């Protein structure tokens, strides 16, 4: 894991901890054979964690998972659950989104 400076939209002095999926994939491979689909996903995965903003009443830190060219952010606030999807690095024009098995909803990205 790498500890780097960054605010991530949170309190000044916040920090970011990042996990490079390539290192995780290498560590798993050292333990024995890993299925190729798992290795492929892990190699493309990046996990960032930003410190919880106590002043804003956040219940958790902000966790961002980057995979397949998409960033998914999750934050448990005092008043709600915040989910963020960033597809700006893809050519996707629509995200098909589903909450709790309630059916898909299309959301335009442009």
N, C-alpha and C. Protein backbone atom coordinates (compact mmCIF):
# COMPACT_ATOMS: atom_id res chain seq x y z
N UNK A 1 0.84 -1.17 0.00
CA UNK A 1 0.00 0.00 0.00
C UNK A 1 0.88 1.23 0.00
N UNK A 2 0.36 2.28 -0.60
CA UNK A 2 1.09 3.53 -0.68
C UNK A 2 0.28 4.61 0.02
N UNK A 3 0.92 5.42 0.83
CA UNK A 3 0.27 6.53 1.50
C UNK A 3 0.72 7.79 0.81
N UNK A 4 -0.22 8.48 0.14
CA UNK A 4 0.13 9.71 -0.58
C UNK A 4 -0.79 10.83 -0.15
N UNK A 5 -0.34 12.05 -0.32
CA UNK A 5 -1.17 13.20 0.03
C UNK A 5 -2.28 13.36 -0.99
N UNK A 6 -3.38 13.90 -0.54
CA UNK A 6 -4.51 14.18 -1.42
C UNK A 6 -5.72 14.48 -0.59
N UNK A 7 -6.59 15.33 -1.11
CA UNK A 7 -7.77 15.68 -0.34
C UNK A 7 -8.98 14.90 -0.77
N UNK A 8 -9.06 14.48 -2.03
CA UNK A 8 -10.19 13.69 -2.49
C UNK A 8 -11.53 14.34 -2.20
N UNK A 9 -11.57 15.67 -2.12
CA UNK A 9 -12.82 16.34 -1.83
C UNK A 9 -13.16 16.32 -0.36
N UNK A 10 -12.22 15.94 0.48
CA UNK A 10 -12.48 15.84 1.91
C UNK A 10 -11.62 16.84 2.67
N UNK A 11 -11.60 16.73 3.96
CA UNK A 11 -10.94 17.70 4.82
C UNK A 11 -9.49 17.97 4.41
N UNK A 12 -9.06 19.18 4.68
CA UNK A 12 -7.67 19.55 4.41
C UNK A 12 -6.80 18.67 5.29
N UNK A 13 -5.71 18.19 4.75
CA UNK A 13 -4.82 17.33 5.51
C UNK A 13 -5.24 15.87 5.45
N UNK A 14 -6.27 15.57 4.67
CA UNK A 14 -6.69 14.18 4.52
C UNK A 14 -5.59 13.42 3.81
N UNK A 15 -5.62 12.12 3.92
CA UNK A 15 -4.62 11.33 3.23
C UNK A 15 -5.29 10.25 2.42
N UNK A 16 -4.55 9.73 1.48
CA UNK A 16 -5.04 8.67 0.61
C UNK A 16 -4.14 7.47 0.80
N UNK A 17 -4.74 6.30 0.97
CA UNK A 17 -4.02 5.05 0.99
C UNK A 17 -4.44 4.32 -0.27
N UNK A 18 -3.49 3.86 -1.05
CA UNK A 18 -3.80 3.20 -2.32
C UNK A 18 -3.25 1.79 -2.34
N UNK A 19 -4.00 0.89 -2.92
CA UNK A 19 -3.57 -0.48 -3.13
C UNK A 19 -3.53 -0.73 -4.62
N UNK A 20 -2.36 -1.03 -5.14
CA UNK A 20 -2.18 -1.32 -6.56
C UNK A 20 -2.52 -2.79 -6.79
N UNK A 21 -3.51 -3.03 -7.63
CA UNK A 21 -3.97 -4.39 -7.90
C UNK A 21 -2.89 -5.30 -8.46
N UNK A 22 -1.92 -4.74 -9.17
CA UNK A 22 -0.83 -5.58 -9.71
C UNK A 22 -0.05 -6.22 -8.58
N UNK A 23 0.17 -5.46 -7.51
CA UNK A 23 0.91 -6.03 -6.36
C UNK A 23 0.08 -7.11 -5.67
N UNK A 24 -1.23 -6.89 -5.57
CA UNK A 24 -2.11 -7.88 -4.97
C UNK A 24 -2.12 -9.15 -5.81
N UNK A 25 -2.19 -8.99 -7.12
CA UNK A 25 -2.17 -10.13 -8.03
C UNK A 25 -0.87 -10.92 -7.89
N UNK A 26 0.25 -10.22 -7.81
CA UNK A 26 1.55 -10.88 -7.63
C UNK A 26 1.61 -11.63 -6.31
N UNK A 27 1.06 -11.04 -5.24
CA UNK A 27 1.06 -11.70 -3.93
C UNK A 27 0.23 -12.97 -3.95
N UNK A 28 -0.94 -12.93 -4.59
CA UNK A 28 -1.77 -14.12 -4.70
C UNK A 28 -1.09 -15.20 -5.53
N UNK A 29 -0.45 -14.80 -6.61
CA UNK A 29 0.23 -15.76 -7.48
C UNK A 29 1.36 -16.46 -6.72
N UNK A 30 1.99 -15.76 -5.79
CA UNK A 30 3.06 -16.36 -4.99
C UNK A 30 2.53 -17.46 -4.08
N UNK A 31 1.25 -17.41 -3.76
CA UNK A 31 0.63 -18.43 -2.90
C UNK A 31 0.22 -19.68 -3.67
N UNK A 32 0.17 -19.58 -4.99
CA UNK A 32 -0.24 -20.71 -5.81
C UNK A 32 -0.97 -20.23 -7.05
N UNK A 33 -1.49 -21.17 -7.80
CA UNK A 33 -2.15 -20.85 -9.05
C UNK A 33 -3.42 -20.03 -8.81
N UNK A 34 -3.56 -18.97 -9.58
CA UNK A 34 -4.74 -18.11 -9.52
C UNK A 34 -5.41 -18.16 -10.89
N UNK A 35 -6.72 -18.27 -10.92
CA UNK A 35 -7.46 -18.34 -12.17
C UNK A 35 -7.21 -17.07 -12.99
N UNK A 36 -6.99 -17.20 -14.31
CA UNK A 36 -6.70 -16.03 -15.16
C UNK A 36 -7.71 -14.88 -15.06
N UNK A 37 -9.03 -15.14 -14.99
CA UNK A 37 -9.95 -13.99 -14.87
C UNK A 37 -9.71 -13.18 -13.59
N UNK A 38 -9.36 -13.86 -12.52
CA UNK A 38 -9.08 -13.16 -11.26
C UNK A 38 -7.81 -12.33 -11.40
N UNK A 39 -6.79 -12.91 -11.98
CA UNK A 39 -5.53 -12.20 -12.20
C UNK A 39 -5.75 -10.98 -13.08
N UNK A 40 -6.54 -11.11 -14.14
CA UNK A 40 -6.81 -9.99 -15.04
C UNK A 40 -7.50 -8.83 -14.32
N UNK A 41 -8.51 -9.15 -13.53
CA UNK A 41 -9.24 -8.10 -12.81
C UNK A 41 -8.35 -7.46 -11.77
N UNK A 42 -7.63 -8.26 -11.00
CA UNK A 42 -6.77 -7.71 -9.97
C UNK A 42 -5.67 -6.83 -10.54
N UNK A 43 -5.14 -7.20 -11.69
CA UNK A 43 -4.08 -6.41 -12.31
C UNK A 43 -4.60 -5.03 -12.74
N UNK A 44 -5.89 -4.91 -13.03
CA UNK A 44 -6.48 -3.65 -13.46
C UNK A 44 -7.12 -2.88 -12.31
N UNK A 45 -7.08 -3.43 -11.12
CA UNK A 45 -7.76 -2.84 -9.97
C UNK A 45 -6.87 -1.84 -9.24
N UNK A 46 -7.48 -0.78 -8.79
CA UNK A 46 -6.81 0.19 -7.92
C UNK A 46 -7.81 0.53 -6.83
N UNK A 47 -7.36 0.52 -5.59
CA UNK A 47 -8.23 0.82 -4.45
C UNK A 47 -7.64 2.01 -3.70
N UNK A 48 -8.45 3.05 -3.52
CA UNK A 48 -8.02 4.23 -2.77
C UNK A 48 -8.95 4.43 -1.59
N UNK A 49 -8.39 4.79 -0.47
CA UNK A 49 -9.18 5.04 0.73
C UNK A 49 -8.79 6.41 1.28
N UNK A 50 -9.80 7.26 1.48
CA UNK A 50 -9.58 8.59 2.03
C UNK A 50 -10.12 8.62 3.46
N UNK A 51 -9.41 9.29 4.32
CA UNK A 51 -9.78 9.38 5.74
C UNK A 51 -11.19 9.94 5.92
N UNK A 52 -11.87 9.44 6.90
CA UNK A 52 -13.21 9.90 7.25
C UNK A 52 -13.16 11.37 7.69
N UNK A 53 -14.14 12.15 7.24
CA UNK A 53 -14.25 13.55 7.62
C UNK A 53 -15.20 13.65 8.81
N UNK A 54 -14.63 13.68 10.00
CA UNK A 54 -15.44 13.72 11.23
C UNK A 54 -16.27 15.00 11.31
N UNK A 55 -15.70 16.12 10.85
CA UNK A 55 -16.41 17.41 10.92
C UNK A 55 -17.68 17.39 10.08
N UNK A 56 -17.68 16.64 8.98
CA UNK A 56 -18.86 16.55 8.12
C UNK A 56 -19.84 15.48 8.62
N UNK A 57 -19.44 14.73 9.63
CA UNK A 57 -20.31 13.69 10.17
C UNK A 57 -20.25 12.37 9.41
N UNK A 58 -19.23 12.21 8.58
CA UNK A 58 -19.10 10.96 7.82
C UNK A 58 -18.96 9.78 8.78
N UNK A 59 -19.63 8.68 8.46
CA UNK A 59 -19.55 7.47 9.28
C UNK A 59 -18.41 6.57 8.86
N UNK A 60 -17.90 6.73 7.63
CA UNK A 60 -16.79 5.93 7.13
C UNK A 60 -15.86 6.81 6.31
N UNK A 61 -14.71 6.25 5.96
CA UNK A 61 -13.84 6.90 4.99
C UNK A 61 -14.46 6.75 3.61
N UNK A 62 -13.95 7.52 2.66
CA UNK A 62 -14.41 7.45 1.27
C UNK A 62 -13.55 6.42 0.56
N UNK A 63 -14.17 5.37 0.03
CA UNK A 63 -13.46 4.28 -0.63
C UNK A 63 -13.75 4.36 -2.13
N UNK A 64 -12.68 4.35 -2.94
CA UNK A 64 -12.82 4.42 -4.38
C UNK A 64 -12.16 3.19 -4.99
N UNK A 65 -12.91 2.48 -5.80
CA UNK A 65 -12.43 1.31 -6.52
C UNK A 65 -12.38 1.65 -8.00
N UNK A 66 -11.19 1.52 -8.59
CA UNK A 66 -11.02 1.74 -10.03
C UNK A 66 -10.84 0.40 -10.70
N UNK A 67 -11.71 0.08 -11.65
CA UNK A 67 -11.59 -1.16 -12.41
C UNK A 67 -12.34 -1.01 -13.73
N UNK A 68 -11.82 -1.60 -14.78
CA UNK A 68 -12.42 -1.53 -16.11
C UNK A 68 -12.60 -0.10 -16.60
N UNK A 69 -11.72 0.82 -16.18
CA UNK A 69 -11.80 2.20 -16.61
C UNK A 69 -12.85 3.02 -15.90
N UNK A 70 -13.45 2.47 -14.85
CA UNK A 70 -14.51 3.14 -14.11
C UNK A 70 -14.09 3.28 -12.66
N UNK A 71 -14.41 4.43 -12.06
CA UNK A 71 -14.17 4.64 -10.64
C UNK A 71 -15.51 4.62 -9.92
N UNK A 72 -15.59 3.79 -8.89
CA UNK A 72 -16.80 3.71 -8.07
C UNK A 72 -16.42 4.15 -6.66
N UNK A 73 -17.08 5.19 -6.17
CA UNK A 73 -16.81 5.70 -4.83
C UNK A 73 -17.97 5.41 -3.90
N UNK A 74 -17.64 5.08 -2.64
CA UNK A 74 -18.67 4.79 -1.64
C UNK A 74 -18.31 5.50 -0.34
N UNK A 75 -19.30 6.18 0.22
CA UNK A 75 -19.12 6.90 1.48
C UNK A 75 -20.40 6.80 2.30
N UNK A 76 -20.29 6.35 3.52
CA UNK A 76 -21.44 6.33 4.43
C UNK A 76 -21.44 7.64 5.20
N UNK A 77 -22.41 8.49 4.87
CA UNK A 77 -22.58 9.76 5.57
C UNK A 77 -23.54 9.56 6.73
N UNK A 78 -23.65 10.55 7.57
CA UNK A 78 -24.59 10.48 8.70
C UNK A 78 -26.03 10.41 8.20
N UNK A 79 -26.32 11.08 7.06
CA UNK A 79 -27.70 11.18 6.59
C UNK A 79 -28.05 10.26 5.43
N UNK A 80 -27.01 9.67 4.76
CA UNK A 80 -27.31 8.83 3.61
C UNK A 80 -26.08 8.02 3.19
N UNK A 81 -26.26 7.21 2.18
CA UNK A 81 -25.17 6.48 1.54
C UNK A 81 -24.88 7.18 0.21
N UNK A 82 -23.63 7.60 0.02
CA UNK A 82 -23.23 8.29 -1.19
C UNK A 82 -22.50 7.31 -2.10
N UNK A 83 -22.98 7.18 -3.35
CA UNK A 83 -22.32 6.37 -4.37
C UNK A 83 -21.97 7.28 -5.53
N UNK A 84 -20.75 7.13 -6.02
CA UNK A 84 -20.30 7.96 -7.14
C UNK A 84 -19.72 7.04 -8.21
N UNK A 85 -20.14 7.23 -9.45
CA UNK A 85 -19.59 6.47 -10.58
C UNK A 85 -18.99 7.46 -11.56
N UNK A 86 -17.71 7.27 -11.89
CA UNK A 86 -17.03 8.14 -12.83
C UNK A 86 -16.61 7.31 -14.03
N UNK A 87 -17.24 7.57 -15.17
CA UNK A 87 -16.94 6.85 -16.41
C UNK A 87 -16.25 7.75 -17.42
N UNK A 88 -15.69 8.87 -16.96
CA UNK A 88 -15.11 9.85 -17.89
C UNK A 88 -13.94 9.30 -18.70
N UNK A 89 -13.33 8.21 -18.26
CA UNK A 89 -12.22 7.61 -19.01
C UNK A 89 -12.69 6.52 -19.97
N UNK A 90 -14.00 6.35 -20.11
CA UNK A 90 -14.55 5.35 -21.03
C UNK A 90 -15.37 6.05 -22.11
N UNK A 91 -15.77 5.29 -23.11
CA UNK A 91 -16.65 5.85 -24.13
C UNK A 91 -18.11 5.49 -23.88
N UNK A 92 -18.42 5.01 -22.68
CA UNK A 92 -19.79 4.64 -22.33
C UNK A 92 -20.69 5.87 -22.33
N UNK A 93 -21.82 5.77 -23.01
CA UNK A 93 -22.79 6.87 -23.05
C UNK A 93 -23.90 6.67 -22.03
N UNK A 94 -24.05 5.42 -21.55
CA UNK A 94 -25.12 5.10 -20.61
C UNK A 94 -24.59 4.12 -19.57
N UNK A 95 -25.00 4.33 -18.32
CA UNK A 95 -24.75 3.36 -17.25
C UNK A 95 -26.09 2.71 -16.93
N UNK A 96 -26.14 1.39 -16.96
CA UNK A 96 -27.32 0.67 -16.49
C UNK A 96 -27.09 0.41 -15.01
N UNK A 97 -27.93 0.99 -14.17
CA UNK A 97 -27.73 1.02 -12.73
C UNK A 97 -28.88 0.30 -12.04
N UNK A 98 -28.57 -0.47 -11.02
CA UNK A 98 -29.61 -1.19 -10.28
C UNK A 98 -29.36 -1.07 -8.79
N UNK A 99 -30.43 -0.88 -8.01
CA UNK A 99 -30.33 -0.78 -6.56
C UNK A 99 -31.19 -1.87 -5.94
N UNK A 100 -30.58 -2.71 -5.14
CA UNK A 100 -31.30 -3.73 -4.36
C UNK A 100 -32.24 -4.61 -5.17
N UNK A 101 -31.86 -4.96 -6.39
CA UNK A 101 -32.67 -5.85 -7.21
C UNK A 101 -33.95 -5.22 -7.73
N UNK A 102 -34.03 -3.89 -7.71
CA UNK A 102 -35.25 -3.20 -8.13
C UNK A 102 -35.37 -2.97 -9.62
N UNK A 103 -34.49 -3.57 -10.41
CA UNK A 103 -34.53 -3.37 -11.86
C UNK A 103 -33.53 -2.31 -12.28
N UNK A 104 -33.12 -2.42 -13.53
CA UNK A 104 -32.12 -1.50 -14.06
C UNK A 104 -32.73 -0.17 -14.47
N UNK A 105 -31.98 0.89 -14.24
CA UNK A 105 -32.31 2.21 -14.74
C UNK A 105 -31.13 2.70 -15.54
N UNK A 106 -31.39 3.25 -16.71
CA UNK A 106 -30.32 3.80 -17.53
C UNK A 106 -30.06 5.24 -17.12
N UNK A 107 -28.77 5.57 -17.04
CA UNK A 107 -28.35 6.93 -16.70
C UNK A 107 -27.35 7.40 -17.74
N UNK A 108 -27.69 8.50 -18.43
CA UNK A 108 -26.78 9.04 -19.44
C UNK A 108 -25.52 9.58 -18.78
N UNK A 109 -24.37 9.35 -19.41
CA UNK A 109 -23.11 9.83 -18.85
C UNK A 109 -22.62 11.10 -19.53
N UNK A 110 -23.26 11.51 -20.57
CA UNK A 110 -22.84 12.70 -21.30
C UNK A 110 -23.97 13.69 -21.40
